[in-house]
ModelCIF file with pLDDT and N, C-alpha, C, O atoms, coordinates in Angstrom:
data_MODEL
#
_entry.id   MODEL 
#
_entity.id                         1 
_entity.type                       polymer 
_entity.pdbx_number_of_molecules   1 
#
_entity_poly.entity_id                      1 
_entity_poly.type                           'polypeptide(L)' 
_entity_poly.nstd_linkage                   no 
_entity_poly.nstd_monomer                   no 
_entity_poly.pdbx_seq_one_letter_code       RASGPGGQNVNKVATAVQLRFDARRSPSL 
_entity_poly.pdbx_seq_one_letter_code_can   RASGPGGQNVNKVATAVQLRFDARRSPSL 
_entity_poly.pdbx_strand_id                 A 
#
loop_
_entity_poly_seq.entity_id 
_entity_poly_seq.num 
_entity_poly_seq.mon_id 
_entity_poly_seq.hetero 
1 1  ARG n 
1 2  ALA n 
1 3  SER n 
1 4  GLY n 
1 5  PRO n 
1 6  GLY n 
1 7  GLY n 
1 8  GLN n 
1 9  ASN n 
1 10 VAL n 
1 11 ASN n 
1 12 LYS n 
1 13 VAL n 
1 14 ALA n 
1 15 THR n 
1 16 ALA n 
1 17 VAL n 
1 18 GLN n 
1 19 LEU n 
1 20 ARG n 
1 21 PHE n 
1 22 ASP n 
1 23 ALA n 
1 24 ARG n 
1 25 ARG n 
1 26 SER n 
1 27 PRO n 
1 28 SER n 
1 29 LEU n 
#
_struct_asym.id          A 
_struct_asym.entity_id   1 
#
loop_
_ma_qa_metric.id 
_ma_qa_metric.mode 
_ma_qa_metric.name 
_ma_qa_metric.software_group_id 
_ma_qa_metric.type 
1 global pLDDT . pLDDT 
2 local  pLDDT . pLDDT 
#
_ma_qa_metric_global.metric_id      1 
_ma_qa_metric_global.metric_value   73.21 
_ma_qa_metric_global.model_id       1 
_ma_qa_metric_global.ordinal_id     1 
#
loop_
_ma_qa_metric_local.label_asym_id 
_ma_qa_metric_local.label_comp_id 
_ma_qa_metric_local.label_seq_id 
_ma_qa_metric_local.metric_id 
_ma_qa_metric_local.metric_value 
_ma_qa_metric_local.model_id 
_ma_qa_metric_local.ordinal_id 
A ARG 1  2 75.00 1 1  
A ALA 2  2 70.00 1 2  
A SER 3  2 70.00 1 3  
A GLY 4  2 62.00 1 4  
A PRO 5  2 60.00 1 5  
A GLY 6  2 59.00 1 6  
A GLY 7  2 59.00 1 7  
A GLN 8  2 62.00 1 8  
A ASN 9  2 63.00 1 9  
A VAL 10 2 61.00 1 10 
A ASN 11 2 64.00 1 11 
A LYS 12 2 67.00 1 12 
A VAL 13 2 70.00 1 13 
A ALA 14 2 73.00 1 14 
A THR 15 2 73.00 1 15 
A ALA 16 2 80.00 1 16 
A VAL 17 2 83.00 1 17 
A GLN 18 2 83.00 1 18 
A LEU 19 2 86.00 1 19 
A ARG 20 2 86.00 1 20 
A PHE 21 2 85.00 1 21 
A ASP 22 2 83.00 1 22 
A ALA 23 2 78.00 1 23 
A ARG 24 2 77.00 1 24 
A ARG 25 2 79.00 1 25 
A SER 26 2 78.00 1 26 
A PRO 27 2 78.00 1 27 
A SER 28 2 79.00 1 28 
A LEU 29 2 80.00 1 29 
#
loop_
_atom_site.group_PDB 
_atom_site.id 
_atom_site.type_symbol 
_atom_site.label_atom_id 
_atom_site.label_alt_id 
_atom_site.label_comp_id 
_atom_site.label_asym_id 
_atom_site.label_entity_id 
_atom_site.label_seq_id 
_atom_site.pdbx_PDB_ins_code 
_atom_site.Cartn_x 
_atom_site.Cartn_y 
_atom_site.Cartn_z 
_atom_site.occupancy 
_atom_site.B_iso_or_equiv 
_atom_site.pdbx_formal_charge 
_atom_site.auth_seq_id 
_atom_site.auth_comp_id 
_atom_site.auth_asym_id 
_atom_site.auth_atom_id 
_atom_site.pdbx_PDB_model_num 
ATOM 1   N N  . ARG A 1 1  ? 12.823 -14.996 1.569  1.00 75.00 ? 1  ARG A N  1 
ATOM 2   C CA . ARG A 1 1  ? 11.734 -15.663 2.202  1.00 75.00 ? 1  ARG A CA 1 
ATOM 3   C C  . ARG A 1 1  ? 12.375 -16.821 2.997  1.00 75.00 ? 1  ARG A C  1 
ATOM 4   O O  . ARG A 1 1  ? 13.294 -17.553 2.631  1.00 75.00 ? 1  ARG A O  1 
ATOM 5   N N  . ALA A 1 2  ? 11.616 -16.832 4.302  1.00 70.00 ? 2  ALA A N  1 
ATOM 6   C CA . ALA A 1 2  ? 12.058 -17.936 5.281  1.00 70.00 ? 2  ALA A CA 1 
ATOM 7   C C  . ALA A 1 2  ? 10.926 -19.338 5.086  1.00 70.00 ? 2  ALA A C  1 
ATOM 8   O O  . ALA A 1 2  ? 9.718  -19.214 4.888  1.00 70.00 ? 2  ALA A O  1 
ATOM 9   N N  . SER A 1 3  ? 11.621 -20.562 5.194  1.00 70.00 ? 3  SER A N  1 
ATOM 10  C CA . SER A 1 3  ? 10.393 -21.744 5.406  1.00 70.00 ? 3  SER A CA 1 
ATOM 11  C C  . SER A 1 3  ? 9.962  -21.626 7.137  1.00 70.00 ? 3  SER A C  1 
ATOM 12  O O  . SER A 1 3  ? 10.090 -20.766 8.009  1.00 70.00 ? 3  SER A O  1 
ATOM 13  N N  . GLY A 1 4  ? 9.465  -22.826 7.064  1.00 62.00 ? 4  GLY A N  1 
ATOM 14  C CA . GLY A 1 4  ? 8.678  -22.544 8.604  1.00 62.00 ? 4  GLY A CA 1 
ATOM 15  C C  . GLY A 1 4  ? 8.025  -21.930 9.184  1.00 62.00 ? 4  GLY A C  1 
ATOM 16  O O  . GLY A 1 4  ? 7.496  -21.054 8.500  1.00 62.00 ? 4  GLY A O  1 
ATOM 17  N N  . PRO A 1 5  ? 7.737  -21.928 10.255 1.00 60.00 ? 5  PRO A N  1 
ATOM 18  C CA . PRO A 1 5  ? 6.272  -20.997 10.502 1.00 60.00 ? 5  PRO A CA 1 
ATOM 19  C C  . PRO A 1 5  ? 6.168  -19.587 10.239 1.00 60.00 ? 5  PRO A C  1 
ATOM 20  O O  . PRO A 1 5  ? 7.236  -18.999 10.070 1.00 60.00 ? 5  PRO A O  1 
ATOM 21  N N  . GLY A 1 6  ? 4.973  -18.841 10.160 1.00 59.00 ? 6  GLY A N  1 
ATOM 22  C CA . GLY A 1 6  ? 4.750  -17.195 9.844  1.00 59.00 ? 6  GLY A CA 1 
ATOM 23  C C  . GLY A 1 6  ? 3.772  -17.522 9.215  1.00 59.00 ? 6  GLY A C  1 
ATOM 24  O O  . GLY A 1 6  ? 3.877  -16.814 8.214  1.00 59.00 ? 6  GLY A O  1 
ATOM 25  N N  . GLY A 1 7  ? 2.610  -18.286 9.060  1.00 59.00 ? 7  GLY A N  1 
ATOM 26  C CA . GLY A 1 7  ? 1.028  -17.985 8.678  1.00 59.00 ? 7  GLY A CA 1 
ATOM 27  C C  . GLY A 1 7  ? 1.101  -17.748 7.206  1.00 59.00 ? 7  GLY A C  1 
ATOM 28  O O  . GLY A 1 7  ? 1.827  -18.360 6.423  1.00 59.00 ? 7  GLY A O  1 
ATOM 29  N N  . GLN A 1 8  ? 0.205  -16.720 6.901  1.00 62.00 ? 8  GLN A N  1 
ATOM 30  C CA . GLN A 1 8  ? 0.142  -16.285 5.795  1.00 62.00 ? 8  GLN A CA 1 
ATOM 31  C C  . GLN A 1 8  ? 1.185  -15.472 5.056  1.00 62.00 ? 8  GLN A C  1 
ATOM 32  O O  . GLN A 1 8  ? 1.295  -15.241 3.852  1.00 62.00 ? 8  GLN A O  1 
ATOM 33  N N  . ASN A 1 9  ? 2.077  -15.020 6.309  1.00 63.00 ? 9  ASN A N  1 
ATOM 34  C CA . ASN A 1 9  ? 2.621  -13.996 5.981  1.00 63.00 ? 9  ASN A CA 1 
ATOM 35  C C  . ASN A 1 9  ? 4.169  -14.360 5.568  1.00 63.00 ? 9  ASN A C  1 
ATOM 36  O O  . ASN A 1 9  ? 4.976  -13.473 5.291  1.00 63.00 ? 9  ASN A O  1 
ATOM 37  N N  . VAL A 1 10 ? 4.525  -15.860 5.555  1.00 61.00 ? 10 VAL A N  1 
ATOM 38  C CA . VAL A 1 10 ? 5.379  -16.480 5.074  1.00 61.00 ? 10 VAL A CA 1 
ATOM 39  C C  . VAL A 1 10 ? 5.692  -16.243 3.547  1.00 61.00 ? 10 VAL A C  1 
ATOM 40  O O  . VAL A 1 10 ? 6.733  -15.900 2.986  1.00 61.00 ? 10 VAL A O  1 
ATOM 41  N N  . ASN A 1 11 ? 4.665  -16.486 3.153  1.00 64.00 ? 11 ASN A N  1 
ATOM 42  C CA . ASN A 1 11 ? 5.038  -16.128 1.180  1.00 64.00 ? 11 ASN A CA 1 
ATOM 43  C C  . ASN A 1 11 ? 5.024  -14.940 1.045  1.00 64.00 ? 11 ASN A C  1 
ATOM 44  O O  . ASN A 1 11 ? 5.089  -14.710 -0.162 1.00 64.00 ? 11 ASN A O  1 
ATOM 45  N N  . LYS A 1 12 ? 4.965  -13.829 1.740  1.00 67.00 ? 12 LYS A N  1 
ATOM 46  C CA . LYS A 1 12 ? 5.063  -12.423 1.157  1.00 67.00 ? 12 LYS A CA 1 
ATOM 47  C C  . LYS A 1 12 ? 5.769  -11.620 1.930  1.00 67.00 ? 12 LYS A C  1 
ATOM 48  O O  . LYS A 1 12 ? 5.824  -10.455 1.536  1.00 67.00 ? 12 LYS A O  1 
ATOM 49  N N  . VAL A 1 13 ? 6.528  -11.969 3.264  1.00 70.00 ? 13 VAL A N  1 
ATOM 50  C CA . VAL A 1 13 ? 7.581  -11.406 3.582  1.00 70.00 ? 13 VAL A CA 1 
ATOM 51  C C  . VAL A 1 13 ? 9.144  -11.917 3.652  1.00 70.00 ? 13 VAL A C  1 
ATOM 52  O O  . VAL A 1 13 ? 9.350  -13.015 4.170  1.00 70.00 ? 13 VAL A O  1 
ATOM 53  N N  . ALA A 1 14 ? 10.100 -11.254 3.214  1.00 73.00 ? 14 ALA A N  1 
ATOM 54  C CA . ALA A 1 14 ? 11.538 -11.733 3.185  1.00 73.00 ? 14 ALA A CA 1 
ATOM 55  C C  . ALA A 1 14 ? 11.847 -11.634 4.409  1.00 73.00 ? 14 ALA A C  1 
ATOM 56  O O  . ALA A 1 14 ? 12.292 -10.551 4.791  1.00 73.00 ? 14 ALA A O  1 
ATOM 57  N N  . THR A 1 15 ? 11.674 -12.907 5.506  1.00 73.00 ? 15 THR A N  1 
ATOM 58  C CA . THR A 1 15 ? 12.337 -12.487 7.256  1.00 73.00 ? 15 THR A CA 1 
ATOM 59  C C  . THR A 1 15 ? 13.572 -12.989 7.088  1.00 73.00 ? 15 THR A C  1 
ATOM 60  O O  . THR A 1 15 ? 14.384 -12.312 7.719  1.00 73.00 ? 15 THR A O  1 
ATOM 61  N N  . ALA A 1 16 ? 14.146 -14.036 6.412  1.00 80.00 ? 16 ALA A N  1 
ATOM 62  C CA . ALA A 1 16 ? 15.285 -14.733 6.136  1.00 80.00 ? 16 ALA A CA 1 
ATOM 63  C C  . ALA A 1 16 ? 15.961 -13.940 5.976  1.00 80.00 ? 16 ALA A C  1 
ATOM 64  O O  . ALA A 1 16 ? 15.590 -12.940 5.362  1.00 80.00 ? 16 ALA A O  1 
ATOM 65  N N  . VAL A 1 17 ? 17.556 -14.091 6.588  1.00 83.00 ? 17 VAL A N  1 
ATOM 66  C CA . VAL A 1 17 ? 18.729 -13.151 6.288  1.00 83.00 ? 17 VAL A CA 1 
ATOM 67  C C  . VAL A 1 17 ? 19.487 -13.641 5.753  1.00 83.00 ? 17 VAL A C  1 
ATOM 68  O O  . VAL A 1 17 ? 19.285 -14.852 5.843  1.00 83.00 ? 17 VAL A O  1 
ATOM 69  N N  . GLN A 1 18 ? 20.900 -13.294 4.806  1.00 83.00 ? 18 GLN A N  1 
ATOM 70  C CA . GLN A 1 18 ? 21.818 -14.350 4.484  1.00 83.00 ? 18 GLN A CA 1 
ATOM 71  C C  . GLN A 1 18 ? 22.756 -13.178 4.554  1.00 83.00 ? 18 GLN A C  1 
ATOM 72  O O  . GLN A 1 18 ? 22.639 -12.162 3.867  1.00 83.00 ? 18 GLN A O  1 
ATOM 73  N N  . LEU A 1 19 ? 23.856 -13.443 5.591  1.00 86.00 ? 19 LEU A N  1 
ATOM 74  C CA . LEU A 1 19 ? 24.793 -12.233 5.650  1.00 86.00 ? 19 LEU A CA 1 
ATOM 75  C C  . LEU A 1 19 ? 26.032 -13.223 4.769  1.00 86.00 ? 19 LEU A C  1 
ATOM 76  O O  . LEU A 1 19 ? 26.105 -14.448 4.669  1.00 86.00 ? 19 LEU A O  1 
ATOM 77  N N  . ARG A 1 20 ? 26.913 -12.157 4.215  1.00 86.00 ? 20 ARG A N  1 
ATOM 78  C CA . ARG A 1 20 ? 28.069 -12.602 3.635  1.00 86.00 ? 20 ARG A CA 1 
ATOM 79  C C  . ARG A 1 20 ? 29.218 -11.776 3.981  1.00 86.00 ? 20 ARG A C  1 
ATOM 80  O O  . ARG A 1 20 ? 29.169 -10.550 3.879  1.00 86.00 ? 20 ARG A O  1 
ATOM 81  N N  . PHE A 1 21 ? 30.351 -12.463 4.424  1.00 85.00 ? 21 PHE A N  1 
ATOM 82  C CA . PHE A 1 21 ? 31.206 -11.452 4.762  1.00 85.00 ? 21 PHE A CA 1 
ATOM 83  C C  . PHE A 1 21 ? 32.818 -12.358 4.001  1.00 85.00 ? 21 PHE A C  1 
ATOM 84  O O  . PHE A 1 21 ? 33.154 -13.542 4.019  1.00 85.00 ? 21 PHE A O  1 
ATOM 85  N N  . ASP A 1 22 ? 33.248 -11.539 3.609  1.00 83.00 ? 22 ASP A N  1 
ATOM 86  C CA . ASP A 1 22 ? 34.672 -11.916 2.813  1.00 83.00 ? 22 ASP A CA 1 
ATOM 87  C C  . ASP A 1 22 ? 35.766 -12.014 3.272  1.00 83.00 ? 22 ASP A C  1 
ATOM 88  O O  . ASP A 1 22 ? 36.594 -11.126 3.068  1.00 83.00 ? 22 ASP A O  1 
ATOM 89  N N  . ALA A 1 23 ? 36.064 -13.137 4.024  1.00 78.00 ? 23 ALA A N  1 
ATOM 90  C CA . ALA A 1 23 ? 37.273 -13.453 4.836  1.00 78.00 ? 23 ALA A CA 1 
ATOM 91  C C  . ALA A 1 23 ? 38.615 -13.202 4.497  1.00 78.00 ? 23 ALA A C  1 
ATOM 92  O O  . ALA A 1 23 ? 39.417 -12.672 5.265  1.00 78.00 ? 23 ALA A O  1 
ATOM 93  N N  . ARG A 1 24 ? 38.923 -13.667 3.092  1.00 77.00 ? 24 ARG A N  1 
ATOM 94  C CA . ARG A 1 24 ? 39.758 -13.872 2.723  1.00 77.00 ? 24 ARG A CA 1 
ATOM 95  C C  . ARG A 1 24 ? 40.471 -12.250 2.118  1.00 77.00 ? 24 ARG A C  1 
ATOM 96  O O  . ARG A 1 24 ? 41.668 -12.150 1.847  1.00 77.00 ? 24 ARG A O  1 
ATOM 97  N N  . ARG A 1 25 ? 39.803 -11.463 2.031  1.00 79.00 ? 25 ARG A N  1 
ATOM 98  C CA . ARG A 1 25 ? 39.890 -10.264 1.475  1.00 79.00 ? 25 ARG A CA 1 
ATOM 99  C C  . ARG A 1 25 ? 39.715 -9.095  2.635  1.00 79.00 ? 25 ARG A C  1 
ATOM 100 O O  . ARG A 1 25 ? 40.060 -7.926  2.467  1.00 79.00 ? 25 ARG A O  1 
ATOM 101 N N  . SER A 1 26 ? 39.224 -9.528  3.625  1.00 78.00 ? 26 SER A N  1 
ATOM 102 C CA . SER A 1 26 ? 39.175 -8.396  4.991  1.00 78.00 ? 26 SER A CA 1 
ATOM 103 C C  . SER A 1 26 ? 40.532 -7.678  5.267  1.00 78.00 ? 26 SER A C  1 
ATOM 104 O O  . SER A 1 26 ? 41.657 -8.168  5.365  1.00 78.00 ? 26 SER A O  1 
ATOM 105 N N  . PRO A 1 27 ? 40.200 -6.642  5.345  1.00 78.00 ? 27 PRO A N  1 
ATOM 106 C CA . PRO A 1 27 ? 41.419 -6.027  5.855  1.00 78.00 ? 27 PRO A CA 1 
ATOM 107 C C  . PRO A 1 27 ? 41.226 -5.912  7.498  1.00 78.00 ? 27 PRO A C  1 
ATOM 108 O O  . PRO A 1 27 ? 42.142 -5.314  8.062  1.00 78.00 ? 27 PRO A O  1 
ATOM 109 N N  . SER A 1 28 ? 40.297 -6.341  8.228  1.00 79.00 ? 28 SER A N  1 
ATOM 110 C CA . SER A 1 28 ? 40.283 -6.141  9.505  1.00 79.00 ? 28 SER A CA 1 
ATOM 111 C C  . SER A 1 28 ? 41.168 -7.282  10.230 1.00 79.00 ? 28 SER A C  1 
ATOM 112 O O  . SER A 1 28 ? 42.014 -7.141  11.113 1.00 79.00 ? 28 SER A O  1 
ATOM 113 N N  . LEU A 1 29 ? 40.817 -8.192  9.731  1.00 80.00 ? 29 LEU A N  1 
ATOM 114 C CA . LEU A 1 29 ? 41.708 -9.796  9.843  1.00 80.00 ? 29 LEU A CA 1 
ATOM 115 C C  . LEU A 1 29 ? 43.159 -9.655  9.975  1.00 80.00 ? 29 LEU A C  1 
ATOM 116 O O  . LEU A 1 29 ? 43.872 -10.655 10.060 1.00 80.00 ? 29 LEU A O  1 
#
């Protein structure tokens, strides 16, 4: 759930994204 604007929707919908990328073990880099 994101903080900030969103009206009544803000407490019901999970709009914020937390992206995780394992840089130490990535075979692409």
